[in-house]
Amino acid sequence: MSTDLDVVIAGGGRVGFQAASILTDRGHTVTIIERDEATSSVIADEWLATVIEGDATDPSILGQADVEGADVVAALTGESGLNLAVCLAAAELSPEIRTVARVDRAVATSYTEFVDAVVYPEQAGAQLAANEIVGDDVQTLADVTGSLDVMLVRVEEGAPAAGKPLSEVRFPTGTLVVSDDDGRRVARPDTTLTPGRRYVVAVEPEVADEVMNLMRG
């Protein structure tokens, strides 16, 4: 996908706000839709981008957010059903838009038929939600590994760990870099995290954000 995206995020709670902050730091344009007046006010006080108060399933609110001109809509509220409704409404208004929904694992399989991607931020954090929004730089295999996340992560130029051997990177306890950059060998202390290359990484959920910060910035 484009490196400079227009993103509409439904839900200004912890996950939505943090994902928006990460995306903005990466140069993307973000609009937040939040239905709670108090939360909207708090976001508006801290946020330099557009904040719209209202129900993101309402076509008029999506119109205010210019969803027809957006590249991605990410529904990141704490309600799976609401998130699906937001994505379906956005896709009706803009058939080419990429749709990302935050869901509970129990309903994930049934939702993948209707949205482009699903995320589980209660385990993986806002970093992985943000990476799923912009494309395929991170893929997770959490469906088959329980609470442990096994990811294929591309190292970003300028990230703290970029260009360094594993022996020099202080990954948090609960992290294991599994493969080298071509996937043919198990990673070793002298394996260098080359920008633009992908590595298989296993992380425990509570350290996922820290690992993504080191590898993605």
C-alpha atoms as a PDB file:
ATOM      1  CA  MET A   1       0.000   0.000   0.000  1.00  0.00           C
ATOM      2  CA  SER A   2       0.961   3.669  -0.259  1.00  0.00           C
ATOM      3  CA  THR A   3       3.456   4.950   2.270  1.00  0.00           C
ATOM      4  CA  ASP A   4       1.270   8.014   2.874  1.00  0.00           C
ATOM      5  CA  LEU A   5      -2.278   6.959   3.716  1.00  0.00           C
ATOM      6  CA  ASP A   6      -5.501   8.688   4.711  1.00  0.00           C
ATOM      7  CA  VAL A   7      -6.894   6.625   7.592  1.00  0.00           C
ATOM      8  CA  VAL A   8     -10.226   6.873   9.393  1.00  0.00           C
ATOM      9  CA  ILE A   9     -10.218   5.282  12.848  1.00  0.00           C
ATOM     10  CA  ALA A  10     -13.502   4.542  14.612  1.00  0.00           C
ATOM     11  CA  GLY A  11     -12.982   4.488  18.356  1.00  0.00           C
ATOM     12  CA  GLY A  12     -10.858   6.892  20.338  1.00  0.00           C
ATOM     13  CA  GLY A  13     -10.170   4.630  23.292  1.00  0.00           C
ATOM     14  CA  ARG A  14      -6.741   3.367  24.300  1.00  0.00           C
ATOM     15  CA  VAL A  15      -6.163   1.184  21.225  1.00  0.00           C
ATOM     16  CA  GLY A  16      -7.646   3.626  18.733  1.00  0.00           C
ATOM     17  CA  PHE A  17      -5.839   6.657  20.100  1.00  0.00           C
ATOM     18  CA  GLN A  18      -2.476   4.911  20.397  1.00  0.00           C
ATOM     19  CA  ALA A  19      -2.775   3.436  16.902  1.00  0.00           C
ATOM     20  CA  ALA A  20      -3.636   6.906  15.556  1.00  0.00           C
ATOM     21  CA  SER A  21      -0.597   8.394  17.294  1.00  0.00           C
ATOM     22  CA  ILE A  22       1.690   5.718  15.822  1.00  0.00           C
ATOM     23  CA  LEU A  23       0.297   6.230  12.323  1.00  0.00           C
ATOM     24  CA  THR A  24       0.620  10.007  12.544  1.00  0.00           C
ATOM     25  CA  ASP A  25       4.224   9.675  13.676  1.00  0.00           C
ATOM     26  CA  ARG A  26       4.838   7.612  10.534  1.00  0.00           C
ATOM     27  CA  GLY A  27       3.475  10.379   8.317  1.00  0.00           C
ATOM     28  CA  HIS A  28      -0.050   9.135   7.676  1.00  0.00           C
ATOM     29  CA  THR A  29      -3.139  11.370   7.883  1.00  0.00           C
ATOM     30  CA  VAL A  30      -5.623  10.207  10.526  1.00  0.00           C
ATOM     31  CA  THR A  31      -9.192  11.153  11.400  1.00  0.00           C
ATOM     32  CA  ILE A  32     -10.693   9.778  14.621  1.00  0.00           C
ATOM     33  CA  ILE A  33     -14.435   9.192  15.080  1.00  0.00           C
ATOM     34  CA  GLU A  34     -15.508   8.861  18.726  1.00  0.00           C
ATOM     35  CA  ARG A  35     -19.109   8.738  19.939  1.00  0.00           C
ATOM     36  CA  ASP A  36     -18.461   9.592  23.601  1.00  0.00           C
ATOM     37  CA  GLU A  37     -18.474  13.343  24.191  1.00  0.00           C
ATOM     38  CA  ALA A  38     -16.044  13.289  27.126  1.00  0.00           C
ATOM     39  CA  THR A  39     -13.561  11.067  25.293  1.00  0.00           C
ATOM     40  CA  SER A  40     -13.825  13.247  22.194  1.00  0.00           C
ATOM     41  CA  SER A  41     -12.997  16.317  24.264  1.00  0.00           C
ATOM     42  CA  VAL A  42      -9.952  14.652  25.802  1.00  0.00           C
ATOM     43  CA  ILE A  43      -8.692  13.552  22.370  1.00  0.00           C
ATOM     44  CA  ALA A  44      -9.309  17.014  20.915  1.00  0.00           C
ATOM     45  CA  ASP A  45      -7.213  18.567  23.682  1.00  0.00           C
ATOM     46  CA  GLU A  46      -4.274  16.275  22.858  1.00  0.00           C
ATOM     47  CA  TRP A  47      -4.748  15.672  19.155  1.00  0.00           C
ATOM     48  CA  LEU A  48      -3.638  17.886  16.281  1.00  0.00           C
ATOM     49  CA  ALA A  49      -5.643  16.054  13.606  1.00  0.00           C
ATOM     50  CA  THR A  50      -9.392  15.855  12.969  1.00  0.00           C
ATOM     51  CA  VAL A  51     -11.639  14.456  15.699  1.00  0.00           C
ATOM     52  CA  ILE A  52     -15.325  13.892  14.889  1.00  0.00           C
ATOM     53  CA  GLU A  53     -17.854  13.192  17.612  1.00  0.00           C
ATOM     54  CA  GLY A  54     -20.566  10.774  16.528  1.00  0.00           C
ATOM     55  CA  ASP A  55     -21.608   7.249  15.632  1.00  0.00           C
ATOM     56  CA  ALA A  56     -19.228   5.796  13.023  1.00  0.00           C
ATOM     57  CA  THR A  57     -21.986   3.554  11.639  1.00  0.00           C
ATOM     58  CA  ASP A  58     -23.923   6.690  10.619  1.00  0.00           C
ATOM     59  CA  PRO A  59     -23.293   7.448   6.906  1.00  0.00           C
ATOM     60  CA  SER A  60     -23.440  11.190   7.589  1.00  0.00           C
ATOM     61  CA  ILE A  61     -20.661  10.871  10.186  1.00  0.00           C
ATOM     62  CA  LEU A  62     -18.596   8.774   7.799  1.00  0.00           C
ATOM     63  CA  GLY A  63     -19.219  11.485   5.229  1.00  0.00           C
ATOM     64  CA  GLN A  64     -17.855  14.121   7.616  1.00  0.00           C
ATOM     65  CA  ALA A  65     -14.758  11.950   8.003  1.00  0.00           C
ATOM     66  CA  ASP A  66     -14.465  11.804   4.189  1.00  0.00           C
ATOM     67  CA  VAL A  67     -14.402   8.028   4.181  1.00  0.00           C
ATOM     68  CA  GLU A  68     -14.901   8.064   0.395  1.00  0.00           C
ATOM     69  CA  GLY A  69     -11.521   9.751   0.053  1.00  0.00           C
ATOM     70  CA  ALA A  70      -9.762   7.575   2.621  1.00  0.00           C
ATOM     71  CA  ASP A  71      -7.493   4.603   1.960  1.00  0.00           C
ATOM     72  CA  VAL A  72      -8.328   2.661   5.124  1.00  0.00           C
ATOM     73  CA  VAL A  73     -11.058   2.534   7.754  1.00  0.00           C
ATOM     74  CA  ALA A  74     -10.061   0.852  11.013  1.00  0.00           C
ATOM     75  CA  ALA A  75     -12.825   0.119  13.514  1.00  0.00           C
ATOM     76  CA  LEU A  76     -11.038  -0.244  16.853  1.00  0.00           C
ATOM     77  CA  THR A  77     -13.780   0.120  19.447  1.00  0.00           C
ATOM     78  CA  GLY A  78     -14.188  -2.512  22.153  1.00  0.00           C
ATOM     79  CA  GLU A  79     -17.322  -3.950  20.466  1.00  0.00           C
ATOM     80  CA  SER A  80     -16.777  -6.513  17.702  1.00  0.00           C
ATOM     81  CA  GLY A  81     -20.285  -6.152  16.272  1.00  0.00           C
ATOM     82  CA  LEU A  82     -20.016  -2.376  16.104  1.00  0.00           C
ATOM     83  CA  ASN A  83     -16.638  -2.641  14.403  1.00  0.00           C
ATOM     84  CA  LEU A  84     -18.062  -4.936  11.738  1.00  0.00           C
ATOM     85  CA  ALA A  85     -20.966  -2.537  11.159  1.00  0.00           C
ATOM     86  CA  VAL A  86     -18.559   0.382  10.712  1.00  0.00           C
ATOM     87  CA  CYS A  87     -16.492  -1.544   8.165  1.00  0.00           C
ATOM     88  CA  LEU A  88     -19.563  -2.657   6.214  1.00  0.00           C
ATOM     89  CA  ALA A  89     -20.954   0.899   6.145  1.00  0.00           C
ATOM     90  CA  ALA A  90     -17.610   2.288   4.980  1.00  0.00           C
ATOM     91  CA  ALA A  91     -17.275  -0.366   2.268  1.00  0.00           C
ATOM     92  CA  GLU A  92     -20.770   0.473   1.030  1.00  0.00           C
ATOM     93  CA  LEU A  93     -19.773   4.129   0.644  1.00  0.00           C
ATOM     94  CA  SER A  94     -16.302   3.379  -0.732  1.00  0.00           C
ATOM     95  CA  PRO A  95     -15.987  -0.135  -2.222  1.00  0.00           C
ATOM     96  CA  GLU A  96     -12.204   0.113  -2.700  1.00  0.00           C
ATOM     97  CA  ILE A  97     -11.411   1.089   0.899  1.00  0.00           C
ATOM     98  CA  ARG A  98      -9.353  -1.278   3.041  1.00  0.00           C
ATOM     99  CA  THR A  99     -11.288  -2.386   6.131  1.00  0.00           C
ATOM    100  CA  VAL A 100      -9.708  -3.416   9.444  1.00  0.00           C
ATOM    101  CA  ALA A 101     -11.775  -4.521  12.444  1.00  0.00           C
ATOM    102  CA  ARG A 102     -10.818  -5.140  16.051  1.00  0.00           C
ATOM    103  CA  VAL A 103     -12.545  -8.363  17.096  1.00  0.00           C
ATOM    104  CA  ASP A 104     -12.674 -10.986  19.789  1.00  0.00           C
ATOM    105  CA  ARG A 105     -10.919 -14.219  18.871  1.00  0.00           C
ATOM    106  CA  ALA A 106     -14.173 -16.148  19.317  1.00  0.00           C
ATOM    107  CA  VAL A 107     -15.735 -14.418  16.302  1.00  0.00           C
ATOM    108  CA  ALA A 108     -12.630 -13.822  14.197  1.00  0.00           C
ATOM    109  CA  THR A 109     -13.226 -16.577  11.651  1.00  0.00           C
ATOM    110  CA  SER A 110     -16.740 -15.437  10.836  1.00  0.00           C
ATOM    111  CA  TYR A 111     -15.610 -11.807  10.426  1.00  0.00           C
ATOM    112  CA  THR A 112     -12.801 -12.422   7.938  1.00  0.00           C
ATOM    113  CA  GLU A 113     -15.390 -12.993   5.199  1.00  0.00           C
ATOM    114  CA  PHE A 114     -16.538  -9.376   5.508  1.00  0.00           C
ATOM    115  CA  VAL A 115     -13.409  -7.320   6.277  1.00  0.00           C
ATOM    116  CA  ASP A 116      -9.895  -7.217   4.857  1.00  0.00           C
ATOM    117  CA  ALA A 117      -8.125  -7.760   8.172  1.00  0.00           C
ATOM    118  CA  VAL A 118      -8.859  -8.436  11.827  1.00  0.00           C
ATOM    119  CA  VAL A 119      -6.722  -7.502  14.829  1.00  0.00           C
ATOM    120  CA  TYR A 120      -6.691  -8.551  18.464  1.00  0.00           C
ATOM    121  CA  PRO A 121      -5.200  -5.518  20.260  1.00  0.00           C
ATOM    122  CA  GLU A 122      -6.069  -6.837  23.709  1.00  0.00           C
ATOM    123  CA  GLN A 123      -3.115  -9.177  23.213  1.00  0.00           C
ATOM    124  CA  ALA A 124      -0.866  -7.589  20.615  1.00  0.00           C
ATOM    125  CA  GLY A 125      -1.203  -3.894  21.386  1.00  0.00           C
ATOM    126  CA  ALA A 126      -1.722  -0.787  19.292  1.00  0.00           C
ATOM    127  CA  GLN A 127       1.552  -1.272  17.424  1.00  0.00           C
ATOM    128  CA  LEU A 128       0.284  -4.376  15.654  1.00  0.00           C
ATOM    129  CA  ALA A 129      -3.074  -2.731  15.006  1.00  0.00           C
ATOM    130  CA  ALA A 130      -1.259   0.161  13.331  1.00  0.00           C
ATOM    131  CA  ASN A 131       0.860  -2.184  11.228  1.00  0.00           C
ATOM    132  CA  GLU A 132      -2.194  -4.132  10.081  1.00  0.00           C
ATOM    133  CA  ILE A 133      -3.870  -0.872   9.061  1.00  0.00           C
ATOM    134  CA  VAL A 134      -1.077   0.149   6.702  1.00  0.00           C
ATOM    135  CA  GLY A 135      -0.461  -3.232   5.110  1.00  0.00           C
ATOM    136  CA  ASP A 136       1.586  -6.401   5.371  1.00  0.00           C
ATOM    137  CA  ASP A 137       4.808  -5.354   7.120  1.00  0.00           C
ATOM    138  CA  VAL A 138       3.791  -7.527  10.069  1.00  0.00           C
ATOM    139  CA  GLN A 139       1.929 -10.821   9.920  1.00  0.00           C
ATOM    140  CA  THR A 140       0.840 -12.690  13.043  1.00  0.00           C
ATOM    141  CA  LEU A 141       0.282 -16.421  13.493  1.00  0.00           C
ATOM    142  CA  ALA A 142      -1.447 -16.005  16.852  1.00  0.00           C
ATOM    143  CA  ASP A 143      -4.427 -18.081  15.778  1.00  0.00           C
ATOM    144  CA  VAL A 144      -2.328 -21.246  16.037  1.00  0.00           C
ATOM    145  CA  THR A 145      -0.096 -20.313  18.961  1.00  0.00           C
ATOM    146  CA  GLY A 146      -2.556 -19.343  21.693  1.00  0.00           C
ATOM    147  CA  SER A 147      -1.513 -16.222  23.580  1.00  0.00           C
ATOM    148  CA  LEU A 148       2.006 -16.290  22.106  1.00  0.00           C
ATOM    149  CA  ASP A 149       2.371 -14.128  18.979  1.00  0.00           C
ATOM    150  CA  VAL A 150       4.620 -15.415  16.202  1.00  0.00           C
ATOM    151  CA  MET A 151       5.168 -12.670  13.664  1.00  0.00           C
ATOM    152  CA  LEU A 152       6.941 -12.036  10.400  1.00  0.00           C
ATOM    153  CA  VAL A 153       8.316  -8.522  10.924  1.00  0.00           C
ATOM    154  CA  ARG A 154      10.090  -6.290   8.429  1.00  0.00           C
ATOM    155  CA  VAL A 155      12.744  -4.116  10.067  1.00  0.00           C
ATOM    156  CA  GLU A 156      12.189  -0.413   9.412  1.00  0.00           C
ATOM    157  CA  GLU A 157      15.037   1.898   8.382  1.00  0.00           C
ATOM    158  CA  GLY A 158      15.974   4.060  11.355  1.00  0.00           C
ATOM    159  CA  ALA A 159      14.426   1.768  13.983  1.00  0.00           C
ATOM    160  CA  PRO A 160      16.494   1.300  17.172  1.00  0.00           C
ATOM    161  CA  ALA A 161      17.449  -2.274  16.251  1.00  0.00           C
ATOM    162  CA  ALA A 162      18.045  -1.655  12.533  1.00  0.00           C
ATOM    163  CA  GLY A 163      21.515  -2.609  11.318  1.00  0.00           C
ATOM    164  CA  LYS A 164      22.551  -4.175  14.634  1.00  0.00           C
ATOM    165  CA  PRO A 165      23.440  -7.800  15.433  1.00  0.00           C
ATOM    166  CA  LEU A 166      21.106  -9.519  17.867  1.00  0.00           C
ATOM    167  CA  SER A 167      23.865  -9.583  20.478  1.00  0.00           C
ATOM    168  CA  GLU A 168      23.657  -5.788  20.665  1.00  0.00           C
ATOM    169  CA  VAL A 169      19.868  -5.433  20.799  1.00  0.00           C
ATOM    170  CA  ARG A 170      18.290  -5.462  24.259  1.00  0.00           C
ATOM    171  CA  PHE A 171      15.041  -7.258  23.522  1.00  0.00           C
ATOM    172  CA  PRO A 172      12.769  -7.669  26.558  1.00  0.00           C
ATOM    173  CA  THR A 173      12.394 -11.016  28.286  1.00  0.00           C
ATOM    174  CA  GLY A 174       9.684 -12.934  26.452  1.00  0.00           C
ATOM    175  CA  THR A 175      11.150 -12.308  22.979  1.00  0.00           C
ATOM    176  CA  LEU A 176      12.781 -14.787  20.609  1.00  0.00           C
ATOM    177  CA  VAL A 177      14.035 -13.884  17.116  1.00  0.00           C
ATOM    178  CA  VAL A 178      13.682 -17.209  15.335  1.00  0.00           C
ATOM    179  CA  SER A 179      15.011 -16.844  11.793  1.00  0.00           C
ATOM    180  CA  ASP A 180      17.727 -15.000   9.923  1.00  0.00           C
ATOM    181  CA  ASP A 181      16.801 -12.616   7.105  1.00  0.00           C
ATOM    182  CA  ASP A 182      16.328 -15.254   4.421  1.00  0.00           C
ATOM    183  CA  GLY A 183      14.436 -17.760   6.599  1.00  0.00           C
ATOM    184  CA  ARG A 184      16.983 -20.512   5.980  1.00  0.00           C
ATOM    185  CA  ARG A 185      18.743 -20.504   9.330  1.00  0.00           C
ATOM    186  CA  VAL A 186      17.862 -20.105  12.974  1.00  0.00           C
ATOM    187  CA  ALA A 187      18.916 -16.660  14.164  1.00  0.00           C
ATOM    188  CA  ARG A 188      22.248 -16.443  15.980  1.00  0.00           C
ATOM    189  CA  PRO A 189      23.841 -13.737  18.145  1.00  0.00           C
ATOM    190  CA  ASP A 190      25.670 -12.379  15.081  1.00  0.00           C
ATOM    191  CA  THR A 191      22.469 -12.242  12.964  1.00  0.00           C
ATOM    192  CA  THR A 192      22.112  -8.630  11.825  1.00  0.00           C
ATOM    193  CA  LEU A 193      18.678  -7.015  11.694  1.00  0.00           C
ATOM    194  CA  THR A 194      18.944  -5.550   8.208  1.00  0.00           C
ATOM    195  CA  PRO A 195      16.480  -2.757   7.307  1.00  0.00           C
ATOM    196  CA  GLY A 196      13.947  -3.934   4.750  1.00  0.00           C
ATOM    197  CA  ARG A 197      14.446  -7.620   5.593  1.00  0.00           C
ATOM    198  CA  ARG A 198      11.911  -9.801   7.438  1.00  0.00           C
ATOM    199  CA  TYR A 199      12.459 -11.945  10.508  1.00  0.00           C
ATOM    200  CA  VAL A 200      10.295 -14.477  12.323  1.00  0.00           C
ATOM    201  CA  VAL A 201       9.850 -13.273  15.905  1.00  0.00           C
ATOM    202  CA  ALA A 202       7.994 -14.892  18.807  1.00  0.00           C
ATOM    203  CA  VAL A 203       6.794 -12.553  21.562  1.00  0.00           C
ATOM    204  CA  GLU A 204       4.699 -12.736  24.678  1.00  0.00           C
ATOM    205  CA  PRO A 205       1.746 -10.298  24.430  1.00  0.00           C
ATOM    206  CA  GLU A 206       2.856  -7.990  27.224  1.00  0.00           C
ATOM    207  CA  VAL A 207       6.143  -7.125  25.454  1.00  0.00           C
ATOM    208  CA  ALA A 208       4.785  -6.900  21.887  1.00  0.00           C
ATOM    209  CA  ASP A 209       4.725  -3.099  21.830  1.00  0.00           C
ATOM    210  CA  GLU A 210       8.326  -2.847  23.048  1.00  0.00           C
ATOM    211  CA  VAL A 211       9.529  -5.336  20.419  1.00  0.00           C
ATOM    212  CA  MET A 212       7.684  -3.479  17.660  1.00  0.00           C
ATOM    213  CA  ASN A 213       9.226  -0.205  18.792  1.00  0.00           C
ATOM    214  CA  LEU A 214      12.703  -1.736  18.539  1.00  0.00           C
ATOM    215  CA  MET A 215      12.157  -3.246  15.081  1.00  0.00           C
ATOM    216  CA  ARG A 216       9.729  -0.801  13.505  1.00  0.00           C
ATOM    217  CA  GLY A 217      10.358   2.461  15.354  1.00  0.00           C
END
